[in-house]
Amino acid sequence: MAWYDRFLGRTITTEDKLNPAQSFIGMDEGMTIDTRENKDNYRSAYEELEVVNRAVNMIVDDSADIKYDV
């Protein structure tokens, strides 16, 4: 149950609609279905994706400006 089910009037006895073919698809595909996308690690994402590179640089630059004593 979700936290908002009380507001919608759902109870524990209310069942969600399930796909009856889901179990058969799972048996055909196996227990895990891997993604078709390449799995990257942080280093390659930092080097190849401009958005990741820029975001990391912004965080590092901003945290370097914080004044603190060690």
C-alpha atoms as a PDB file:
ATOM      1  CA  MET A   1       0.000   0.000   0.000  1.00  0.00           C
ATOM      2  CA  ALA A   2       1.141   3.502  -0.739  1.00  0.00           C
ATOM      3  CA  TRP A   3       0.896   6.337   1.778  1.00  0.00           C
ATOM      4  CA  TYR A   4      -1.823   8.050  -0.266  1.00  0.00           C
ATOM      5  CA  ASP A   5      -4.117   4.997  -0.423  1.00  0.00           C
ATOM      6  CA  ARG A   6      -5.926   6.181   2.713  1.00  0.00           C
ATOM      7  CA  PHE A   7      -6.963   9.357   0.907  1.00  0.00           C
ATOM      8  CA  LEU A   8      -8.174   7.468  -2.153  1.00  0.00           C
ATOM      9  CA  GLY A   9     -10.214   5.051  -0.060  1.00  0.00           C
ATOM     10  CA  ARG A  10      -8.194   2.010  -1.013  1.00  0.00           C
ATOM     11  CA  THR A  11      -7.948  -0.780   1.501  1.00  0.00           C
ATOM     12  CA  ILE A  12      -5.680  -3.778   1.806  1.00  0.00           C
ATOM     13  CA  THR A  13      -8.363  -5.971   0.222  1.00  0.00           C
ATOM     14  CA  THR A  14      -8.254  -3.884  -2.974  1.00  0.00           C
ATOM     15  CA  GLU A  15      -6.091  -5.699  -5.493  1.00  0.00           C
ATOM     16  CA  ASP A  16      -4.091  -4.066  -8.236  1.00  0.00           C
ATOM     17  CA  LYS A  17      -4.690  -5.167 -11.809  1.00  0.00           C
ATOM     18  CA  LEU A  18      -1.992  -7.630 -12.798  1.00  0.00           C
ATOM     19  CA  ASN A  19      -0.957  -8.727 -16.246  1.00  0.00           C
ATOM     20  CA  PRO A  20      -1.876 -12.437 -16.457  1.00  0.00           C
ATOM     21  CA  ALA A  21       0.857 -13.044 -19.033  1.00  0.00           C
ATOM     22  CA  GLN A  22       3.542 -11.571 -16.793  1.00  0.00           C
ATOM     23  CA  SER A  23       4.568 -14.895 -15.241  1.00  0.00           C
ATOM     24  CA  PHE A  24       4.865 -16.551 -18.668  1.00  0.00           C
ATOM     25  CA  ILE A  25       6.980 -13.682 -19.998  1.00  0.00           C
ATOM     26  CA  GLY A  26       9.203 -13.981 -16.942  1.00  0.00           C
ATOM     27  CA  MET A  27       9.694 -17.701 -17.544  1.00  0.00           C
ATOM     28  CA  ASP A  28      10.656 -17.104 -21.182  1.00  0.00           C
ATOM     29  CA  GLU A  29      13.044 -14.239 -20.453  1.00  0.00           C
ATOM     30  CA  GLY A  30      14.621 -15.680 -17.328  1.00  0.00           C
ATOM     31  CA  MET A  31      14.737 -14.321 -13.803  1.00  0.00           C
ATOM     32  CA  THR A  32      16.630 -11.142 -14.734  1.00  0.00           C
ATOM     33  CA  ILE A  33      16.295  -8.996 -17.815  1.00  0.00           C
ATOM     34  CA  ASP A  34      19.396  -6.955 -18.540  1.00  0.00           C
ATOM     35  CA  THR A  35      19.314  -3.547 -20.124  1.00  0.00           C
ATOM     36  CA  ARG A  36      20.353  -2.985 -23.719  1.00  0.00           C
ATOM     37  CA  GLU A  37      22.267   0.160 -22.798  1.00  0.00           C
ATOM     38  CA  ASN A  38      25.971   0.089 -22.132  1.00  0.00           C
ATOM     39  CA  LYS A  39      26.780  -0.025 -18.468  1.00  0.00           C
ATOM     40  CA  ASP A  40      29.207   2.774 -17.723  1.00  0.00           C
ATOM     41  CA  ASN A  41      31.178   3.435 -14.629  1.00  0.00           C
ATOM     42  CA  TYR A  42      31.607   6.890 -13.093  1.00  0.00           C
ATOM     43  CA  ARG A  43      34.950   7.528 -14.727  1.00  0.00           C
ATOM     44  CA  SER A  44      33.744   6.899 -18.271  1.00  0.00           C
ATOM     45  CA  ALA A  45      30.533   8.866 -17.621  1.00  0.00           C
ATOM     46  CA  TYR A  46      32.619  11.798 -16.381  1.00  0.00           C
ATOM     47  CA  GLU A  47      34.853  11.668 -19.425  1.00  0.00           C
ATOM     48  CA  GLU A  48      32.183  11.040 -22.083  1.00  0.00           C
ATOM     49  CA  LEU A  49      29.072  12.886 -20.878  1.00  0.00           C
ATOM     50  CA  GLU A  50      29.361  16.656 -20.839  1.00  0.00           C
ATOM     51  CA  VAL A  51      26.456  17.033 -18.408  1.00  0.00           C
ATOM     52  CA  VAL A  52      28.091  14.788 -15.804  1.00  0.00           C
ATOM     53  CA  ASN A  53      31.441  16.510 -16.269  1.00  0.00           C
ATOM     54  CA  ARG A  54      29.910  19.960 -15.846  1.00  0.00           C
ATOM     55  CA  ALA A  55      27.852  18.967 -12.807  1.00  0.00           C
ATOM     56  CA  VAL A  56      30.835  17.430 -11.024  1.00  0.00           C
ATOM     57  CA  ASN A  57      32.982  20.463 -11.795  1.00  0.00           C
ATOM     58  CA  MET A  58      30.284  22.810 -10.458  1.00  0.00           C
ATOM     59  CA  ILE A  59      30.008  20.862  -7.194  1.00  0.00           C
ATOM     60  CA  VAL A  60      33.771  20.754  -6.728  1.00  0.00           C
ATOM     61  CA  ASP A  61      34.182  24.458  -7.501  1.00  0.00           C
ATOM     62  CA  ASP A  62      31.372  25.477  -5.169  1.00  0.00           C
ATOM     63  CA  SER A  63      32.573  23.290  -2.318  1.00  0.00           C
ATOM     64  CA  ALA A  64      36.111  24.676  -2.728  1.00  0.00           C
ATOM     65  CA  ASP A  65      34.758  28.175  -2.052  1.00  0.00           C
ATOM     66  CA  ILE A  66      33.370  27.173   1.361  1.00  0.00           C
ATOM     67  CA  LYS A  67      35.533  28.684   4.075  1.00  0.00           C
ATOM     68  CA  TYR A  68      36.359  26.294   6.876  1.00  0.00           C
ATOM     69  CA  ASP A  69      39.174  25.604   9.333  1.00  0.00           C
ATOM     70  CA  VAL A  70      40.591  22.156   9.835  1.00  0.00           C
END
